[in-house]
PDB file of N, CA and C in Angstrom:
ATOM      1  N   MET A   1       0.300  12.123  29.642  1.00  0.00           N
ATOM      2  CA  MET A   1       0.476  10.692  29.531  1.00  0.00           C
ATOM      3  C   MET A   1      -0.827   9.963  29.877  1.00  0.00           C
ATOM      4  N   TYR A   2      -1.566  10.515  30.815  1.00  0.00           N
ATOM      5  CA  TYR A   2      -2.827   9.904  31.232  1.00  0.00           C
ATOM      6  C   TYR A   2      -3.809   9.859  30.066  1.00  0.00           C
ATOM      7  N   HIS A   3      -3.864  10.936  29.281  1.00  0.00           N
ATOM      8  CA  HIS A   3      -4.801  10.986  28.151  1.00  0.00           C
ATOM      9  C   HIS A   3      -4.446   9.914  27.112  1.00  0.00           C
ATOM     10  N   PHE A   4      -3.173   9.709  26.918  1.00  0.00           N
ATOM     11  CA  PHE A   4      -2.717   8.705  25.965  1.00  0.00           C
ATOM     12  C   PHE A   4      -3.163   7.306  26.399  1.00  0.00           C
ATOM     13  N   ILE A   5      -2.974   6.983  27.647  1.00  0.00           N
ATOM     14  CA  ILE A   5      -3.375   5.667  28.167  1.00  0.00           C
ATOM     15  C   ILE A   5      -4.891   5.523  28.139  1.00  0.00           C
ATOM     16  N   ALA A   6      -5.600   6.569  28.498  1.00  0.00           N
ATOM     17  CA  ALA A   6      -7.065   6.519  28.482  1.00  0.00           C
ATOM     18  C   ALA A   6      -7.582   6.316  27.056  1.00  0.00           C
ATOM     19  N   TYR A   7      -6.939   6.962  26.098  1.00  0.00           N
ATOM     20  CA  TYR A   7      -7.345   6.817  24.703  1.00  0.00           C
ATOM     21  C   TYR A   7      -7.150   5.372  24.231  1.00  0.00           C
ATOM     22  N   TRP A   8      -6.023   4.768  24.562  1.00  0.00           N
ATOM     23  CA  TRP A   8      -5.763   3.390  24.163  1.00  0.00           C
ATOM     24  C   TRP A   8      -6.702   2.413  24.855  1.00  0.00           C
ATOM     25  N   LEU A   9      -7.074   2.700  26.075  1.00  0.00           N
ATOM     26  CA  LEU A   9      -8.033   1.842  26.764  1.00  0.00           C
ATOM     27  C   LEU A   9      -9.420   1.942  26.136  1.00  0.00           C
ATOM     28  N   GLU A  10      -9.781   3.130  25.662  1.00  0.00           N
ATOM     29  CA  GLU A  10     -11.055   3.284  24.956  1.00  0.00           C
ATOM     30  C   GLU A  10     -11.044   2.510  23.642  1.00  0.00           C
ATOM     31  N   LEU A  11      -9.922   2.540  22.936  1.00  0.00           N
ATOM     32  CA  LEU A  11      -9.827   1.819  21.666  1.00  0.00           C
ATOM     33  C   LEU A  11      -9.878   0.309  21.856  1.00  0.00           C
ATOM     34  N   LYS A  12      -9.488  -0.138  23.021  1.00  0.00           N
ATOM     35  CA  LYS A  12      -9.483  -1.573  23.298  1.00  0.00           C
ATOM     36  C   LYS A  12     -10.891  -2.161  23.191  1.00  0.00           C
ATOM     37  N   TYR A  13     -11.893  -1.397  23.553  1.00  0.00           N
ATOM     38  CA  TYR A  13     -13.271  -1.883  23.541  1.00  0.00           C
ATOM     39  C   TYR A  13     -14.068  -1.393  22.331  1.00  0.00           C
ATOM     40  N   ASP A  14     -13.425  -0.652  21.441  1.00  0.00           N
ATOM     41  CA  ASP A  14     -14.092  -0.142  20.247  1.00  0.00           C
ATOM     42  C   ASP A  14     -14.019  -1.203  19.152  1.00  0.00           C
ATOM     43  N   ARG A  15     -15.154  -1.693  18.697  1.00  0.00           N
ATOM     44  CA  ARG A  15     -15.191  -2.771  17.706  1.00  0.00           C
ATOM     45  C   ARG A  15     -15.235  -2.263  16.269  1.00  0.00           C
ATOM     46  N   ARG A  16     -15.321  -0.955  16.066  1.00  0.00           N
ATOM     47  CA  ARG A  16     -15.367  -0.429  14.710  1.00  0.00           C
ATOM     48  C   ARG A  16     -14.069  -0.702  13.965  1.00  0.00           C
ATOM     49  N   ALA A  17     -12.953  -0.650  14.668  1.00  0.00           N
ATOM     50  CA  ALA A  17     -11.670  -0.887  14.024  1.00  0.00           C
ATOM     51  C   ALA A  17     -11.563  -2.335  13.551  1.00  0.00           C
ATOM     52  N   VAL A  18     -12.115  -3.256  14.308  1.00  0.00           N
ATOM     53  CA  VAL A  18     -12.077  -4.667  13.917  1.00  0.00           C
ATOM     54  C   VAL A  18     -12.884  -4.869  12.646  1.00  0.00           C
ATOM     55  N   THR A  19     -14.027  -4.256  12.556  1.00  0.00           N
ATOM     56  CA  THR A  19     -14.865  -4.373  11.364  1.00  0.00           C
ATOM     57  C   THR A  19     -14.162  -3.764  10.160  1.00  0.00           C
ATOM     58  N   ALA A  20     -13.539  -2.618  10.332  1.00  0.00           N
ATOM     59  CA  ALA A  20     -12.821  -1.986   9.230  1.00  0.00           C
ATOM     60  C   ALA A  20     -11.658  -2.862   8.779  1.00  0.00           C
ATOM     61  N   LEU A  21     -10.994  -3.491   9.703  1.00  0.00           N
ATOM     62  CA  LEU A  21      -9.893  -4.388   9.362  1.00  0.00           C
ATOM     63  C   LEU A  21     -10.396  -5.591   8.581  1.00  0.00           C
ATOM     64  N   GLU A  22     -11.513  -6.141   8.981  1.00  0.00           N
ATOM     65  CA  GLU A  22     -12.087  -7.279   8.262  1.00  0.00           C
ATOM     66  C   GLU A  22     -12.465  -6.887   6.834  1.00  0.00           C
ATOM     67  N   TYR A  23     -13.102  -5.737   6.675  1.00  0.00           N
ATOM     68  CA  TYR A  23     -13.450  -5.277   5.336  1.00  0.00           C
ATOM     69  C   TYR A  23     -12.199  -5.027   4.506  1.00  0.00           C
ATOM     70  N   GLY A  24     -11.162  -4.514   5.119  1.00  0.00           N
ATOM     71  CA  GLY A  24      -9.907  -4.292   4.406  1.00  0.00           C
ATOM     72  C   GLY A  24      -9.279  -5.592   3.940  1.00  0.00           C
ATOM     73  N   LEU A  25      -9.312  -6.611   4.786  1.00  0.00           N
ATOM     74  CA  LEU A  25      -8.773  -7.916   4.395  1.00  0.00           C
ATOM     75  C   LEU A  25      -9.582  -8.535   3.265  1.00  0.00           C
ATOM     76  N   ILE A  26     -10.897  -8.427   3.349  1.00  0.00           N
ATOM     77  CA  ILE A  26     -11.757  -8.964   2.283  1.00  0.00           C
ATOM     78  C   ILE A  26     -11.476  -8.245   0.969  1.00  0.00           C
ATOM     79  N   ALA A  27     -11.358  -6.936   1.012  1.00  0.00           N
ATOM     80  CA  ALA A  27     -11.068  -6.173  -0.203  1.00  0.00           C
ATOM     81  C   ALA A  27      -9.707  -6.553  -0.770  1.00  0.00           C
ATOM     82  N   GLY A  28      -8.729  -6.751   0.099  1.00  0.00           N
ATOM     83  CA  GLY A  28      -7.403  -7.156  -0.358  1.00  0.00           C
ATOM     84  C   GLY A  28      -7.414  -8.510  -1.036  1.00  0.00           C
ATOM     85  N   ILE A  29      -8.156  -9.446  -0.483  1.00  0.00           N
ATOM     86  CA  ILE A  29      -8.258 -10.780  -1.086  1.00  0.00           C
ATOM     87  C   ILE A  29      -8.941 -10.703  -2.449  1.00  0.00           C
ATOM     88  N   ILE A  30      -9.993  -9.907  -2.542  1.00  0.00           N
ATOM     89  CA  ILE A  30     -10.697  -9.753  -3.816  1.00  0.00           C
ATOM     90  C   ILE A  30      -9.773  -9.157  -4.872  1.00  0.00           C
ATOM     91  N   VAL A  31      -9.005  -8.145  -4.493  1.00  0.00           N
ATOM     92  CA  VAL A  31      -8.072  -7.513  -5.438  1.00  0.00           C
ATOM     93  C   VAL A  31      -7.009  -8.516  -5.884  1.00  0.00           C
ATOM     94  N   ALA A  32      -6.503  -9.317  -4.948  1.00  0.00           N
ATOM     95  CA  ALA A  32      -5.483 -10.310  -5.299  1.00  0.00           C
ATOM     96  C   ALA A  32      -6.034 -11.349  -6.265  1.00  0.00           C
ATOM     97  N   VAL A  33      -7.261 -11.807  -6.046  1.00  0.00           N
ATOM     98  CA  VAL A  33      -7.871 -12.799  -6.935  1.00  0.00           C
ATOM     99  C   VAL A  33      -8.103 -12.201  -8.319  1.00  0.00           C
ATOM    100  N   ILE A  34      -8.559 -10.968  -8.383  1.00  0.00           N
ATOM    101  CA  ILE A  34      -8.780 -10.317  -9.677  1.00  0.00           C
ATOM    102  C   ILE A  34      -7.457 -10.139 -10.418  1.00  0.00           C
ATOM    103  N   ALA A  35      -6.418  -9.695  -9.707  1.00  0.00           N
ATOM    104  CA  ALA A  35      -5.113  -9.508 -10.336  1.00  0.00           C
ATOM    105  C   ALA A  35      -4.557 -10.828 -10.858  1.00  0.00           C
ATOM    106  N   LEU A  36      -4.697 -11.881 -10.087  1.00  0.00           N
ATOM    107  CA  LEU A  36      -4.236 -13.202 -10.519  1.00  0.00           C
ATOM    108  C   LEU A  36      -5.033 -13.670 -11.734  1.00  0.00           C
ATOM    109  N   GLY A  37      -6.331 -13.456 -11.706  1.00  0.00           N
ATOM    110  CA  GLY A  37      -7.178 -13.835 -12.836  1.00  0.00           C
ATOM    111  C   GLY A  37      -6.809 -13.099 -14.107  1.00  0.00           C
ATOM    112  N   PHE A  38      -6.564 -11.797 -14.006  1.00  0.00           N
ATOM    113  CA  PHE A  38      -6.163 -11.026 -15.183  1.00  0.00           C
ATOM    114  C   PHE A  38      -4.796 -11.471 -15.684  1.00  0.00           C
ATOM    115  N   GLY A  39      -3.904 -11.832 -14.766  1.00  0.00           N
ATOM    116  CA  GLY A  39      -2.587 -12.300 -15.178  1.00  0.00           C
ATOM    117  C   GLY A  39      -2.670 -13.590 -15.973  1.00  0.00           C
ATOM    118  N   VAL A  40      -3.448 -14.535 -15.474  1.00  0.00           N
ATOM    119  CA  VAL A  40      -3.617 -15.820 -16.174  1.00  0.00           C
ATOM    120  C   VAL A  40      -4.373 -15.612 -17.481  1.00  0.00           C
ATOM    121  N   LEU A  41      -5.447 -14.839 -17.437  1.00  0.00           N
ATOM    122  CA  LEU A  41      -6.244 -14.590 -18.634  1.00  0.00           C
ATOM    123  C   LEU A  41      -5.422 -13.848 -19.674  1.00  0.00           C
ATOM    124  N   GLY A  42      -4.631 -12.888 -19.243  1.00  0.00           N
ATOM    125  CA  GLY A  42      -3.806 -12.117 -20.179  1.00  0.00           C
ATOM    126  C   GLY A  42      -2.774 -12.984 -20.863  1.00  0.00           C
ATOM    127  N   THR A  43      -2.147 -13.884 -20.134  1.00  0.00           N
ATOM    128  CA  THR A  43      -1.152 -14.789 -20.718  1.00  0.00           C
ATOM    129  C   THR A  43      -1.810 -15.726 -21.726  1.00  0.00           C
ATOM    130  N   ASN A  44      -2.930 -16.304 -21.356  1.00  0.00           N
ATOM    131  CA  ASN A  44      -3.640 -17.214 -22.277  1.00  0.00           C
ATOM    132  C   ASN A  44      -4.107 -16.481 -23.523  1.00  0.00           C
ATOM    133  N   LEU A  45      -4.619 -15.273 -23.332  1.00  0.00           N
ATOM    134  CA  LEU A  45      -5.112 -14.490 -24.467  1.00  0.00           C
ATOM    135  C   LEU A  45      -3.955 -14.099 -25.384  1.00  0.00           C
ATOM    136  N   SER A  46      -2.836 -13.752 -24.820  1.00  0.00           N
ATOM    137  CA  SER A  46      -1.663 -13.408 -25.614  1.00  0.00           C
ATOM    138  C   SER A  46      -1.194 -14.602 -26.439  1.00  0.00           C
ATOM    139  N   ASN A  47      -1.192 -15.779 -25.829  1.00  0.00           N
ATOM    140  CA  ASN A  47      -0.798 -16.988 -26.561  1.00  0.00           C
ATOM    141  C   ASN A  47      -1.764 -17.279 -27.711  1.00  0.00           C
ATOM    142  N   LYS A  48      -3.042 -17.094 -27.485  1.00  0.00           N
ATOM    143  CA  LYS A  48      -4.040 -17.340 -28.536  1.00  0.00           C
ATOM    144  C   LYS A  48      -3.844 -16.374 -29.707  1.00  0.00           C
ATOM    145  N   PHE A  49      -3.631 -15.085 -29.401  1.00  0.00           N
ATOM    146  CA  PHE A  49      -3.418 -14.108 -30.467  1.00  0.00           C
ATOM    147  C   PHE A  49      -2.122 -14.397 -31.223  1.00  0.00           C
ATOM    148  N   SER A  50      -1.112 -14.871 -30.532  1.00  0.00           N
ATOM    149  CA  SER A  50       0.139 -15.232 -31.202  1.00  0.00           C
ATOM    150  C   SER A  50      -0.076 -16.387 -32.167  1.00  0.00           C
ATOM    151  N   LYS A  51      -0.840 -17.386 -31.734  1.00  0.00           N
ATOM    152  CA  LYS A  51      -1.132 -18.526 -32.612  1.00  0.00           C
ATOM    153  C   LYS A  51      -1.906 -18.091 -33.846  1.00  0.00           C
ATOM    154  N   VAL A  52      -2.896 -17.216 -33.650  1.00  0.00           N
ATOM    155  CA  VAL A  52      -3.696 -16.725 -34.779  1.00  0.00           C
ATOM    156  C   VAL A  52      -2.808 -15.911 -35.725  1.00  0.00           C
ATOM    157  N   GLY A  53      -1.952 -15.070 -35.147  1.00  0.00           N
ATOM    158  CA  GLY A  53      -1.045 -14.258 -35.973  1.00  0.00           C
ATOM    159  C   GLY A  53      -0.065 -15.105 -36.748  1.00  0.00           C
ATOM    160  N   ASN A  54       0.468 -16.145 -36.139  1.00  0.00           N
ATOM    161  CA  ASN A  54       1.414 -17.019 -36.833  1.00  0.00           C
ATOM    162  C   ASN A  54       0.745 -17.825 -37.924  1.00  0.00           C
ATOM    163  N   SER A  55      -0.502 -18.189 -37.710  1.00  0.00           N
ATOM    164  CA  SER A  55      -1.199 -18.987 -38.732  1.00  0.00           C
ATOM    165  C   SER A  55      -1.617 -18.147 -39.926  1.00  0.00           C
ATOM    166  N   LEU A  56      -1.732 -16.844 -39.742  1.00  0.00           N
ATOM    167  CA  LEU A  56      -2.091 -15.976 -40.877  1.00  0.00           C
ATOM    168  C   LEU A  56      -0.847 -15.731 -41.693  1.00  0.00           C
TER     169      LEU A  56
END
């Protein structure tokens, strides 16, 4: 039990995990923005192709 508590106390002062978490959040936000952009772009592009197809 002592080793477990000592390990958690060491992690309390380790800043590498905080940096990894920040990078993970940034990557998640970037992925969400790209996915949203592709969703909007895909819908608009589909509508444009439908209009072109109907006019032909």
